[in-house]
Amino acid sequence: MSQPQKLLITGGSGFIGSWLIRHLLAENPDCHITNLDLLTYAGNPENLRDIENDPRYRFVQGDIQDEALVNRLMREVDACVNVAAQTHVDRSISGPGVFITTNVVGTQVLLEAARNANISKFVQVSTDEVYGSIEGTAKFTEESPLEPSSPYSSSKAGADLIALSYWKTYGMPVCITRCTNNYGPNQYPEKLIPLFILNASEDKQVPVYGDGMNVRDWIHVKDHSAGVAAVLKAGKPGEVYNIGSGNEHNNMEITRLILKILGKPESLIKFVPDRPGHDRRYALDCSKVERELGWKATTSFEEGLRETVQWYLDNPQWVANVRKRERDLLANAV
């Protein structure tokens, strides 16, 4: 199967979205991409600054809940990948409302516009967190029940179910990807790995939740982008595809490795009260996407983490600009 040529990528100025856009443009010279992004705190125009003049790329600032705008853009494309989402669990706990409106209502607006435009493929980018926690050495498959724990993961599970309903009810060609924890350059600093890199590099304490034994599978964002592209190209409508790397580490292992790379003492570690509803372990069985689409993660975790640490050390201006931008957004919101 061939890759769709005219694409709408929502949330393309964020961490995962910007890497996906770069991957698609690099792999398909004939591809044309429209990036629809509201540019909230995590949507950073700098992430795609160097390609903003590429004739194959167009940026549109707007909300995925804007029906008129979404309908107009959807009529201009062959396929859509929905990466737009509110994603930070802590923020969902303190303010769940925007997670429901963006992740659930926004997804439904996109799906309805896609259905009306009769597009060839709609890929809903989701998360392994929709499955909840799993103990021991077991792994979630695409058939595992959904048992989300936080307002964030619940909103993503709701969006997944709505997307699948459009396949079952209307026959719309929908695929869902569920990915493990991403890391890599230009990730927003509130996430664990960039937060710990920046805090430790500035000799600040790194806050570890609970006992630090929560386990996640970590995938480099460039591998995730390749996985989503594979599903966009050849994923079977109505199917869910788990995307992970098999790099399971608990938070203490991650913390100690970051400190080791930076040459910082473990005395910077500060244990803080655990997050409410904090899932103990996520792990995915990704054999389906490898078997059916030939995709597999290729980046070793330690190599990827070292490159990520170095990127943040080499790009202090990017970090300063991100922090300033969030301060300005907060000030304007008051």
C-alpha atoms as a PDB file:
ATOM      1  CA  MET A   1       0.000   0.000   0.000  1.00  0.00           C
ATOM      2  CA  SER A   2       1.151   3.566  -0.655  1.00  0.00           C
ATOM      3  CA  GLN A   3       1.381   6.378   1.862  1.00  0.00           C
ATOM      4  CA  PRO A   4      -1.415   8.980   1.589  1.00  0.00           C
ATOM      5  CA  GLN A   5      -0.017  12.124  -0.040  1.00  0.00           C
ATOM      6  CA  LYS A   6      -2.100  14.908   1.528  1.00  0.00           C
ATOM      7  CA  LEU A   7      -2.130  14.696   5.315  1.00  0.00           C
ATOM      8  CA  LEU A   8      -3.680  16.566   8.209  1.00  0.00           C
ATOM      9  CA  ILE A   9      -1.578  16.153  11.344  1.00  0.00           C
ATOM     10  CA  THR A  10      -3.195  17.584  14.453  1.00  0.00           C
ATOM     11  CA  GLY A  11      -0.980  18.651  17.330  1.00  0.00           C
ATOM     12  CA  GLY A  12       1.986  18.702  14.983  1.00  0.00           C
ATOM     13  CA  SER A  13       3.879  21.381  16.899  1.00  0.00           C
ATOM     14  CA  GLY A  14       4.136  19.218  19.984  1.00  0.00           C
ATOM     15  CA  PHE A  15       6.828  16.684  20.832  1.00  0.00           C
ATOM     16  CA  ILE A  16       5.478  13.575  19.093  1.00  0.00           C
ATOM     17  CA  GLY A  17       3.680  15.482  16.351  1.00  0.00           C
ATOM     18  CA  SER A  18       6.772  17.397  15.254  1.00  0.00           C
ATOM     19  CA  TRP A  19       8.872  14.225  15.078  1.00  0.00           C
ATOM     20  CA  LEU A  20       6.107  12.519  13.078  1.00  0.00           C
ATOM     21  CA  ILE A  21       5.933  15.388  10.575  1.00  0.00           C
ATOM     22  CA  ARG A  22       9.690  15.311  10.084  1.00  0.00           C
ATOM     23  CA  HIS A  23       9.619  11.550   9.558  1.00  0.00           C
ATOM     24  CA  LEU A  24       6.803  11.682   7.019  1.00  0.00           C
ATOM     25  CA  LEU A  25       8.395  14.481   5.007  1.00  0.00           C
ATOM     26  CA  ALA A  26      11.772  12.731   5.015  1.00  0.00           C
ATOM     27  CA  GLU A  27      10.368   9.366   3.971  1.00  0.00           C
ATOM     28  CA  ASN A  28       7.947  10.624   1.326  1.00  0.00           C
ATOM     29  CA  PRO A  29       9.136  13.485  -0.911  1.00  0.00           C
ATOM     30  CA  ASP A  30       5.674  13.798  -2.491  1.00  0.00           C
ATOM     31  CA  CYS A  31       3.911  14.188   0.850  1.00  0.00           C
ATOM     32  CA  HIS A  32       2.138  17.452   1.722  1.00  0.00           C
ATOM     33  CA  ILE A  33       1.267  18.098   5.359  1.00  0.00           C
ATOM     34  CA  THR A  34      -1.077  20.536   7.055  1.00  0.00           C
ATOM     35  CA  ASN A  35      -0.287  20.921  10.750  1.00  0.00           C
ATOM     36  CA  LEU A  36      -3.274  22.042  12.846  1.00  0.00           C
ATOM     37  CA  ASP A  37      -2.162  23.080  16.327  1.00  0.00           C
ATOM     38  CA  LEU A  38      -3.694  25.403  18.909  1.00  0.00           C
ATOM     39  CA  LEU A  39      -0.236  26.187  20.332  1.00  0.00           C
ATOM     40  CA  THR A  40      -1.103  25.674  23.966  1.00  0.00           C
ATOM     41  CA  TYR A  41       1.814  25.461  26.411  1.00  0.00           C
ATOM     42  CA  ALA A  42       3.183  22.195  24.928  1.00  0.00           C
ATOM     43  CA  GLY A  43       2.805  23.194  21.278  1.00  0.00           C
ATOM     44  CA  ASN A  44       6.101  24.834  20.410  1.00  0.00           C
ATOM     45  CA  PRO A  45       6.572  26.603  17.038  1.00  0.00           C
ATOM     46  CA  GLU A  46      10.348  26.204  17.427  1.00  0.00           C
ATOM     47  CA  ASN A  47      10.028  22.438  17.043  1.00  0.00           C
ATOM     48  CA  LEU A  48       9.444  22.878  13.306  1.00  0.00           C
ATOM     49  CA  ARG A  49      11.080  26.246  12.708  1.00  0.00           C
ATOM     50  CA  ASP A  50      13.597  24.916  10.192  1.00  0.00           C
ATOM     51  CA  ILE A  51      10.928  23.432   7.898  1.00  0.00           C
ATOM     52  CA  GLU A  52       8.337  26.199   8.099  1.00  0.00           C
ATOM     53  CA  ASN A  53       9.312  27.386   4.603  1.00  0.00           C
ATOM     54  CA  ASP A  54       9.180  23.920   3.057  1.00  0.00           C
ATOM     55  CA  PRO A  55       6.536  24.132   0.291  1.00  0.00           C
ATOM     56  CA  ARG A  56       5.230  20.723   1.360  1.00  0.00           C
ATOM     57  CA  TYR A  57       4.402  21.987   4.858  1.00  0.00           C
ATOM     58  CA  ARG A  58       1.657  24.324   6.039  1.00  0.00           C
ATOM     59  CA  PHE A  59       0.870  25.455   9.583  1.00  0.00           C
ATOM     60  CA  VAL A  60      -2.638  26.408  10.700  1.00  0.00           C
ATOM     61  CA  GLN A  61      -3.214  27.645  14.225  1.00  0.00           C
ATOM     62  CA  GLY A  62      -6.548  26.448  15.507  1.00  0.00           C
ATOM     63  CA  ASP A  63      -8.558  24.193  17.795  1.00  0.00           C
ATOM     64  CA  ILE A  64      -9.590  20.653  16.867  1.00  0.00           C
ATOM     65  CA  GLN A  65     -12.962  21.507  18.454  1.00  0.00           C
ATOM     66  CA  ASP A  66     -13.548  24.238  15.830  1.00  0.00           C
ATOM     67  CA  GLU A  67     -15.989  22.394  13.570  1.00  0.00           C
ATOM     68  CA  ALA A  68     -15.936  24.877  10.701  1.00  0.00           C
ATOM     69  CA  LEU A  69     -12.138  24.973  10.550  1.00  0.00           C
ATOM     70  CA  VAL A  70     -11.759  21.215  10.915  1.00  0.00           C
ATOM     71  CA  ASN A  71     -14.334  20.517   8.220  1.00  0.00           C
ATOM     72  CA  ARG A  72     -12.585  22.880   5.798  1.00  0.00           C
ATOM     73  CA  LEU A  73      -9.143  21.377   6.388  1.00  0.00           C
ATOM     74  CA  MET A  74     -10.372  17.790   6.245  1.00  0.00           C
ATOM     75  CA  ARG A  75     -11.830  18.325   2.779  1.00  0.00           C
ATOM     76  CA  GLU A  76      -8.333  19.224   1.544  1.00  0.00           C
ATOM     77  CA  VAL A  77      -6.553  16.002   2.617  1.00  0.00           C
ATOM     78  CA  ASP A  78      -6.489  12.260   2.003  1.00  0.00           C
ATOM     79  CA  ALA A  79      -5.819  11.160   5.582  1.00  0.00           C
ATOM     80  CA  CYS A  80      -5.549  12.433   9.154  1.00  0.00           C
ATOM     81  CA  VAL A  81      -3.343  11.522  12.104  1.00  0.00           C
ATOM     82  CA  ASN A  82      -4.694  12.859  15.397  1.00  0.00           C
ATOM     83  CA  VAL A  83      -1.792  13.577  17.726  1.00  0.00           C
ATOM     84  CA  ALA A  84      -3.457  16.571  19.399  1.00  0.00           C
ATOM     85  CA  ALA A  85      -4.100  15.876  23.067  1.00  0.00           C
ATOM     86  CA  GLN A  86      -3.720  17.053  26.604  1.00  0.00           C
ATOM     87  CA  THR A  87      -1.241  14.482  27.925  1.00  0.00           C
ATOM     88  CA  HIS A  88       0.214  15.264  31.354  1.00  0.00           C
ATOM     89  CA  VAL A  89      -1.294  13.027  34.056  1.00  0.00           C
ATOM     90  CA  ASP A  90      -0.574  15.445  36.903  1.00  0.00           C
ATOM     91  CA  ARG A  91      -2.376  18.245  35.074  1.00  0.00           C
ATOM     92  CA  SER A  92      -5.348  15.941  34.449  1.00  0.00           C
ATOM     93  CA  ILE A  93      -5.631  15.274  38.172  1.00  0.00           C
ATOM     94  CA  SER A  94      -5.667  18.955  39.104  1.00  0.00           C
ATOM     95  CA  GLY A  95      -7.866  20.027  36.180  1.00  0.00           C
ATOM     96  CA  PRO A  96      -9.609  17.209  34.287  1.00  0.00           C
ATOM     97  CA  GLY A  97     -12.101  19.330  32.327  1.00  0.00           C
ATOM     98  CA  VAL A  98      -9.813  20.382  29.486  1.00  0.00           C
ATOM     99  CA  PHE A  99      -8.715  16.756  29.028  1.00  0.00           C
ATOM    100  CA  ILE A 100     -12.307  15.709  28.358  1.00  0.00           C
ATOM    101  CA  THR A 101     -13.039  18.550  25.950  1.00  0.00           C
ATOM    102  CA  THR A 102      -9.780  18.250  24.010  1.00  0.00           C
ATOM    103  CA  ASN A 103      -9.216  14.504  24.012  1.00  0.00           C
ATOM    104  CA  VAL A 104     -12.815  13.300  23.722  1.00  0.00           C
ATOM    105  CA  VAL A 105     -14.866  16.088  22.166  1.00  0.00           C
ATOM    106  CA  GLY A 106     -12.008  17.204  19.915  1.00  0.00           C
ATOM    107  CA  THR A 107     -11.509  13.677  18.622  1.00  0.00           C
ATOM    108  CA  GLN A 108     -15.211  13.341  17.840  1.00  0.00           C
ATOM    109  CA  VAL A 109     -15.181  16.617  15.889  1.00  0.00           C
ATOM    110  CA  LEU A 110     -12.240  15.321  13.837  1.00  0.00           C
ATOM    111  CA  LEU A 111     -13.897  11.969  13.220  1.00  0.00           C
ATOM    112  CA  GLU A 112     -17.146  13.532  12.039  1.00  0.00           C
ATOM    113  CA  ALA A 113     -15.302  15.857   9.690  1.00  0.00           C
ATOM    114  CA  ALA A 114     -13.250  12.942   8.377  1.00  0.00           C
ATOM    115  CA  ARG A 115     -16.398  10.917   7.799  1.00  0.00           C
ATOM    116  CA  ASN A 116     -18.043  13.770   5.901  1.00  0.00           C
ATOM    117  CA  ALA A 117     -14.907  14.235   3.779  1.00  0.00           C
ATOM    118  CA  ASN A 118     -14.667  10.493   3.082  1.00  0.00           C
ATOM    119  CA  ILE A 119     -10.926  10.397   3.800  1.00  0.00           C
ATOM    120  CA  SER A 120      -8.909   7.227   3.176  1.00  0.00           C
ATOM    121  CA  LYS A 121      -7.425   6.754   6.689  1.00  0.00           C
ATOM    122  CA  PHE A 122      -7.782   8.190  10.199  1.00  0.00           C
ATOM    123  CA  VAL A 123      -5.103   7.251  12.725  1.00  0.00           C
ATOM    124  CA  GLN A 124      -5.872   7.941  16.370  1.00  0.00           C
ATOM    125  CA  VAL A 125      -2.634   8.157  18.377  1.00  0.00           C
ATOM    126  CA  SER A 126      -3.313   6.825  21.868  1.00  0.00           C
ATOM    127  CA  THR A 127      -1.409   5.506  24.876  1.00  0.00           C
ATOM    128  CA  ASP A 128      -0.700   2.303  26.767  1.00  0.00           C
ATOM    129  CA  GLU A 129      -2.175   3.989  29.839  1.00  0.00           C
ATOM    130  CA  VAL A 130      -5.685   3.114  28.635  1.00  0.00           C
ATOM    131  CA  TYR A 131      -5.019  -0.482  29.728  1.00  0.00           C
ATOM    132  CA  GLY A 132      -4.239   0.424  33.341  1.00  0.00           C
ATOM    133  CA  SER A 133      -1.579  -1.358  35.377  1.00  0.00           C
ATOM    134  CA  ILE A 134      -0.271  -4.887  34.898  1.00  0.00           C
ATOM    135  CA  GLU A 135       1.765  -6.959  37.366  1.00  0.00           C
ATOM    136  CA  GLY A 136       4.621  -9.435  37.064  1.00  0.00           C
ATOM    137  CA  THR A 137       5.915 -10.138  33.584  1.00  0.00           C
ATOM    138  CA  ALA A 138       2.595 -10.134  31.716  1.00  0.00           C
ATOM    139  CA  LYS A 139       1.988  -7.744  28.821  1.00  0.00           C
ATOM    140  CA  PHE A 140      -1.095  -6.106  27.396  1.00  0.00           C
ATOM    141  CA  THR A 141      -2.263  -7.148  23.943  1.00  0.00           C
ATOM    142  CA  GLU A 142      -4.583  -5.174  21.705  1.00  0.00           C
ATOM    143  CA  GLU A 143      -7.451  -7.322  23.002  1.00  0.00           C
ATOM    144  CA  SER A 144      -6.828  -6.490  26.673  1.00  0.00           C
ATOM    145  CA  PRO A 145      -9.687  -4.684  28.449  1.00  0.00           C
ATOM    146  CA  LEU A 146      -9.417  -0.944  29.023  1.00  0.00           C
ATOM    147  CA  GLU A 147      -9.028  -0.013  32.689  1.00  0.00           C
ATOM    148  CA  PRO A 148      -7.699   3.567  32.760  1.00  0.00           C
ATOM    149  CA  SER A 149      -6.780   5.082  36.130  1.00  0.00           C
ATOM    150  CA  SER A 150      -6.416   8.847  35.608  1.00  0.00           C
ATOM    151  CA  PRO A 151      -8.595  11.505  33.976  1.00  0.00           C
ATOM    152  CA  TYR A 152      -5.951  11.652  31.228  1.00  0.00           C
ATOM    153  CA  SER A 153      -5.968   7.941  30.424  1.00  0.00           C
ATOM    154  CA  SER A 154      -9.753   7.797  30.764  1.00  0.00           C
ATOM    155  CA  SER A 155     -10.132  10.595  28.219  1.00  0.00           C
ATOM    156  CA  LYS A 156      -7.835   8.753  25.807  1.00  0.00           C
ATOM    157  CA  ALA A 157      -9.765   5.511  26.310  1.00  0.00           C
ATOM    158  CA  GLY A 158     -12.976   7.392  25.570  1.00  0.00           C
ATOM    159  CA  ALA A 159     -11.488   8.806  22.380  1.00  0.00           C
ATOM    160  CA  ASP A 160     -10.349   5.317  21.320  1.00  0.00           C
ATOM    161  CA  LEU A 161     -13.830   3.902  21.775  1.00  0.00           C
ATOM    162  CA  ILE A 162     -15.431   6.733  19.842  1.00  0.00           C
ATOM    163  CA  ALA A 163     -12.921   6.222  17.029  1.00  0.00           C
ATOM    164  CA  LEU A 164     -13.679   2.497  16.883  1.00  0.00           C
ATOM    165  CA  SER A 165     -17.406   3.258  16.878  1.00  0.00           C
ATOM    166  CA  TYR A 166     -16.914   5.248  13.673  1.00  0.00           C
ATOM    167  CA  TRP A 167     -15.421   2.126  12.101  1.00  0.00           C
ATOM    168  CA  LYS A 168     -18.143  -0.181  13.385  1.00  0.00           C
ATOM    169  CA  THR A 169     -21.061   2.165  12.721  1.00  0.00           C
ATOM    170  CA  TYR A 170     -20.020   4.039   9.591  1.00  0.00           C
ATOM    171  CA  GLY A 171     -17.266   1.852   8.144  1.00  0.00           C
ATOM    172  CA  MET A 172     -14.807   4.729   8.438  1.00  0.00           C
ATOM    173  CA  PRO A 173     -11.182   3.547   7.961  1.00  0.00           C
ATOM    174  CA  VAL A 174      -9.910   4.138  11.494  1.00  0.00           C
ATOM    175  CA  CYS A 175      -6.762   2.711  13.093  1.00  0.00           C
ATOM    176  CA  ILE A 176      -5.568   3.231  16.659  1.00  0.00           C
ATOM    177  CA  THR A 177      -1.985   3.181  17.908  1.00  0.00           C
ATOM    178  CA  ARG A 178      -1.234   2.715  21.607  1.00  0.00           C
ATOM    179  CA  CYS A 179       2.310   3.603  22.514  1.00  0.00           C
ATOM    180  CA  THR A 180       4.530   3.293  25.559  1.00  0.00           C
ATOM    181  CA  ASN A 181       6.368   6.232  27.192  1.00  0.00           C
ATOM    182  CA  ASN A 182       8.182   8.428  24.666  1.00  0.00           C
ATOM    183  CA  TYR A 183      11.470  10.223  25.208  1.00  0.00           C
ATOM    184  CA  GLY A 184      13.883  12.193  23.049  1.00  0.00           C
ATOM    185  CA  PRO A 185      14.936  15.729  22.078  1.00  0.00           C
ATOM    186  CA  ASN A 186      12.531  18.687  22.376  1.00  0.00           C
ATOM    187  CA  GLN A 187      10.146  16.967  24.786  1.00  0.00           C
ATOM    188  CA  TYR A 188       8.321  19.417  27.041  1.00  0.00           C
ATOM    189  CA  PRO A 189      10.256  19.756  30.330  1.00  0.00           C
ATOM    190  CA  GLU A 190       7.397  18.683  32.612  1.00  0.00           C
ATOM    191  CA  LYS A 191       7.852  15.044  31.549  1.00  0.00           C
ATOM    192  CA  LEU A 192      10.027  12.777  33.708  1.00  0.00           C
ATOM    193  CA  ILE A 193      13.163  12.410  31.589  1.00  0.00           C
ATOM    194  CA  PRO A 194      13.605  16.054  30.488  1.00  0.00           C
ATOM    195  CA  LEU A 195      12.584  17.301  33.941  1.00  0.00           C
ATOM    196  CA  PHE A 196      15.197  15.146  35.640  1.00  0.00           C
ATOM    197  CA  ILE A 197      17.861  16.035  33.046  1.00  0.00           C
ATOM    198  CA  LEU A 198      17.308  19.756  33.500  1.00  0.00           C
ATOM    199  CA  ASN A 199      16.959  19.667  37.285  1.00  0.00           C
ATOM    200  CA  ALA A 200      20.080  17.579  37.741  1.00  0.00           C
ATOM    201  CA  SER A 201      22.111  19.629  35.271  1.00  0.00           C
ATOM    202  CA  GLU A 202      21.209  22.706  37.345  1.00  0.00           C
ATOM    203  CA  ASP A 203      22.012  20.881  40.624  1.00  0.00           C
ATOM    204  CA  LYS A 204      18.350  20.920  41.649  1.00  0.00           C
ATOM    205  CA  GLN A 205      16.600  18.008  43.342  1.00  0.00           C
ATOM    206  CA  VAL A 206      14.884  15.418  41.160  1.00  0.00           C
ATOM    207  CA  PRO A 207      11.435  14.515  42.581  1.00  0.00           C
ATOM    208  CA  VAL A 208      10.756  10.768  42.514  1.00  0.00           C
ATOM    209  CA  TYR A 209       7.191   9.674  43.233  1.00  0.00           C
ATOM    210  CA  GLY A 210       6.621   7.103  46.007  1.00  0.00           C
ATOM    211  CA  ASP A 211       9.303   4.415  46.163  1.00  0.00           C
ATOM    212  CA  GLY A 212      10.426   4.955  42.566  1.00  0.00           C
ATOM    213  CA  MET A 213       9.580   1.398  41.557  1.00  0.00           C
ATOM    214  CA  ASN A 214       6.905   2.247  38.969  1.00  0.00           C
ATOM    215  CA  VAL A 215       7.856   0.561  35.696  1.00  0.00           C
ATOM    216  CA  ARG A 216       7.457   1.938  32.187  1.00  0.00           C
ATOM    217  CA  ASP A 217       8.543   0.799  28.722  1.00  0.00           C
ATOM    218  CA  TRP A 218      10.500   3.636  27.117  1.00  0.00           C
ATOM    219  CA  ILE A 219      10.555   4.209  23.354  1.00  0.00           C
ATOM    220  CA  HIS A 220      12.495   6.839  21.446  1.00  0.00           C
ATOM    221  CA  VAL A 221      10.132   9.228  19.709  1.00  0.00           C
ATOM    222  CA  LYS A 222      11.766   8.581  16.310  1.00  0.00           C
ATOM    223  CA  ASP A 223      10.856   4.881  16.629  1.00  0.00           C
ATOM    224  CA  HIS A 224       7.312   5.806  17.631  1.00  0.00           C
ATOM    225  CA  SER A 225       7.040   8.088  14.593  1.00  0.00           C
ATOM    226  CA  ALA A 226       8.105   5.269  12.298  1.00  0.00           C
ATOM    227  CA  GLY A 227       5.513   3.004  13.906  1.00  0.00           C
ATOM    228  CA  VAL A 228       2.688   5.493  13.383  1.00  0.00           C
ATOM    229  CA  ALA A 229       3.806   5.997   9.774  1.00  0.00           C
ATOM    230  CA  ALA A 230       3.670   2.229   9.224  1.00  0.00           C
ATOM    231  CA  VAL A 231       0.094   2.116  10.537  1.00  0.00           C
ATOM    232  CA  LEU A 232      -0.863   5.112   8.395  1.00  0.00           C
ATOM    233  CA  LYS A 233       0.502   3.366   5.312  1.00  0.00           C
ATOM    234  CA  ALA A 234      -0.680  -0.192   5.802  1.00  0.00           C
ATOM    235  CA  GLY A 235      -2.685  -0.533   9.000  1.00  0.00           C
ATOM    236  CA  LYS A 236      -5.929  -2.452   8.610  1.00  0.00           C
ATOM    237  CA  PRO A 237      -9.074  -0.357   9.240  1.00  0.00           C
ATOM    238  CA  GLY A 238     -10.740  -1.085  12.560  1.00  0.00           C
ATOM    239  CA  GLU A 239      -7.522  -2.423  14.114  1.00  0.00           C
ATOM    240  CA  VAL A 240      -5.516  -1.381  17.178  1.00  0.00           C
ATOM    241  CA  TYR A 241      -1.706  -1.589  17.132  1.00  0.00           C
ATOM    242  CA  ASN A 242       0.487  -1.559  20.241  1.00  0.00           C
ATOM    243  CA  ILE A 243       3.781   0.304  19.734  1.00  0.00           C
ATOM    244  CA  GLY A 244       6.616  -0.200  22.217  1.00  0.00           C
ATOM    245  CA  SER A 245      10.285  -1.082  22.472  1.00  0.00           C
ATOM    246  CA  GLY A 246      10.586  -3.616  25.300  1.00  0.00           C
ATOM    247  CA  ASN A 247      12.841  -1.216  27.265  1.00  0.00           C
ATOM    248  CA  GLU A 248      11.244  -1.637  30.695  1.00  0.00           C
ATOM    249  CA  HIS A 249      12.830   0.365  33.512  1.00  0.00           C
ATOM    250  CA  ASN A 250      11.596   1.556  36.877  1.00  0.00           C
ATOM    251  CA  ASN A 251      11.827   5.225  37.744  1.00  0.00           C
ATOM    252  CA  MET A 252      14.797   4.741  40.067  1.00  0.00           C
ATOM    253  CA  GLU A 253      16.784   3.084  37.280  1.00  0.00           C
ATOM    254  CA  ILE A 254      15.986   6.011  34.981  1.00  0.00           C
ATOM    255  CA  THR A 255      16.920   8.532  37.660  1.00  0.00           C
ATOM    256  CA  ARG A 256      20.231   6.907  38.526  1.00  0.00           C
ATOM    257  CA  LEU A 257      21.182   6.541  34.851  1.00  0.00           C
ATOM    258  CA  ILE A 258      20.501  10.232  34.174  1.00  0.00           C
ATOM    259  CA  LEU A 259      22.575  11.228  37.206  1.00  0.00           C
ATOM    260  CA  LYS A 260      25.375   8.907  36.083  1.00  0.00           C
ATOM    261  CA  ILE A 261      25.424  10.359  32.565  1.00  0.00           C
ATOM    262  CA  LEU A 262      25.539  13.882  33.997  1.00  0.00           C
ATOM    263  CA  GLY A 263      28.101  12.994  36.672  1.00  0.00           C
ATOM    264  CA  LYS A 264      25.762  14.179  39.429  1.00  0.00           C
ATOM    265  CA  PRO A 265      25.387  12.694  42.949  1.00  0.00           C
ATOM    266  CA  GLU A 266      22.414  10.578  44.018  1.00  0.00           C
ATOM    267  CA  SER A 267      21.938  13.010  46.893  1.00  0.00           C
ATOM    268  CA  LEU A 268      19.899  15.076  44.389  1.00  0.00           C
ATOM    269  CA  ILE A 269      17.140  12.432  44.556  1.00  0.00           C
ATOM    270  CA  LYS A 270      14.133  13.542  46.589  1.00  0.00           C
ATOM    271  CA  PHE A 271      11.281  11.140  47.259  1.00  0.00           C
ATOM    272  CA  VAL A 272       7.891  12.876  47.171  1.00  0.00           C
ATOM    273  CA  PRO A 273       4.355  11.634  47.981  1.00  0.00           C
ATOM    274  CA  ASP A 274       3.048   9.329  45.283  1.00  0.00           C
ATOM    275  CA  ARG A 275       0.637  10.560  42.648  1.00  0.00           C
ATOM    276  CA  PRO A 276      -3.027   9.565  43.180  1.00  0.00           C
ATOM    277  CA  GLY A 277      -3.946   6.470  41.148  1.00  0.00           C
ATOM    278  CA  HIS A 278      -0.338   5.961  40.039  1.00  0.00           C
ATOM    279  CA  ASP A 279      -0.200   2.795  37.913  1.00  0.00           C
ATOM    280  CA  ARG A 280       2.570   0.420  38.950  1.00  0.00           C
ATOM    281  CA  ARG A 281       3.615  -1.033  35.606  1.00  0.00           C
ATOM    282  CA  TYR A 282       2.858  -0.722  31.908  1.00  0.00           C
ATOM    283  CA  ALA A 283       4.032  -3.276  29.356  1.00  0.00           C
ATOM    284  CA  LEU A 284       2.870  -4.007  25.811  1.00  0.00           C
ATOM    285  CA  ASP A 285       2.974  -7.015  23.551  1.00  0.00           C
ATOM    286  CA  CYS A 286       3.922  -5.432  20.210  1.00  0.00           C
ATOM    287  CA  SER A 287       4.157  -8.615  18.152  1.00  0.00           C
ATOM    288  CA  LYS A 288       1.106  -7.677  16.054  1.00  0.00           C
ATOM    289  CA  VAL A 289       2.597  -4.536  14.502  1.00  0.00           C
ATOM    290  CA  GLU A 290       5.879  -6.329  13.867  1.00  0.00           C
ATOM    291  CA  ARG A 291       4.165  -9.365  12.341  1.00  0.00           C
ATOM    292  CA  GLU A 292       1.615  -7.514  10.201  1.00  0.00           C
ATOM    293  CA  LEU A 293       3.419  -4.281   9.295  1.00  0.00           C
ATOM    294  CA  GLY A 294       7.092  -5.140   9.709  1.00  0.00           C
ATOM    295  CA  TRP A 295       7.773  -2.385  12.239  1.00  0.00           C
ATOM    296  CA  LYS A 296      10.124  -2.749  15.200  1.00  0.00           C
ATOM    297  CA  ALA A 297      11.880  -0.254  17.461  1.00  0.00           C
ATOM    298  CA  THR A 298      15.608  -0.007  16.738  1.00  0.00           C
ATOM    299  CA  THR A 299      17.021   2.524  19.235  1.00  0.00           C
ATOM    300  CA  SER A 300      18.766   1.120  22.313  1.00  0.00           C
ATOM    301  CA  PHE A 301      17.596   2.855  25.475  1.00  0.00           C
ATOM    302  CA  GLU A 302      20.959   3.824  26.928  1.00  0.00           C
ATOM    303  CA  GLU A 303      22.198   5.184  23.606  1.00  0.00           C
ATOM    304  CA  GLY A 304      18.963   7.118  23.073  1.00  0.00           C
ATOM    305  CA  LEU A 305      19.014   8.488  26.611  1.00  0.00           C
ATOM    306  CA  ARG A 306      22.625   9.656  26.314  1.00  0.00           C
ATOM    307  CA  GLU A 307      21.805  11.440  23.054  1.00  0.00           C
ATOM    308  CA  THR A 308      18.751  13.020  24.698  1.00  0.00           C
ATOM    309  CA  VAL A 309      20.750  14.254  27.694  1.00  0.00           C
ATOM    310  CA  GLN A 310      23.325  15.788  25.362  1.00  0.00           C
ATOM    311  CA  TRP A 311      20.613  17.484  23.296  1.00  0.00           C
ATOM    312  CA  TYR A 312      19.234  19.302  26.355  1.00  0.00           C
ATOM    313  CA  LEU A 313      22.749  20.336  27.400  1.00  0.00           C
ATOM    314  CA  ASP A 314      23.437  21.625  23.883  1.00  0.00           C
ATOM    315  CA  ASN A 315      20.158  23.556  23.563  1.00  0.00           C
ATOM    316  CA  PRO A 316      19.806  25.866  26.604  1.00  0.00           C
ATOM    317  CA  GLN A 317      18.124  28.543  24.492  1.00  0.00           C
ATOM    318  CA  TRP A 318      15.349  26.123  23.468  1.00  0.00           C
ATOM    319  CA  VAL A 319      14.771  25.337  27.148  1.00  0.00           C
ATOM    320  CA  ALA A 320      14.794  29.020  28.127  1.00  0.00           C
ATOM    321  CA  ASN A 321      12.332  29.865  25.355  1.00  0.00           C
ATOM    322  CA  VAL A 322       9.964  27.073  26.393  1.00  0.00           C
ATOM    323  CA  ARG A 323      10.001  28.211  30.007  1.00  0.00           C
ATOM    324  CA  LYS A 324       9.451  31.834  29.016  1.00  0.00           C
ATOM    325  CA  ARG A 325       6.602  30.876  26.708  1.00  0.00           C
ATOM    326  CA  GLU A 326       4.783  29.033  29.480  1.00  0.00           C
ATOM    327  CA  ARG A 327       5.241  31.984  31.840  1.00  0.00           C
ATOM    328  CA  ASP A 328       3.820  34.318  29.200  1.00  0.00           C
ATOM    329  CA  LEU A 329       0.842  32.021  28.567  1.00  0.00           C
ATOM    330  CA  LEU A 330       0.105  31.820  32.289  1.00  0.00           C
ATOM    331  CA  ALA A 331       0.367  35.592  32.636  1.00  0.00           C
ATOM    332  CA  ASN A 332      -2.001  36.147  29.724  1.00  0.00           C
ATOM    333  CA  ALA A 333      -4.485  33.664  31.183  1.00  0.00           C
ATOM    334  CA  VAL A 334      -4.799  35.608  34.446  1.00  0.00           C
END
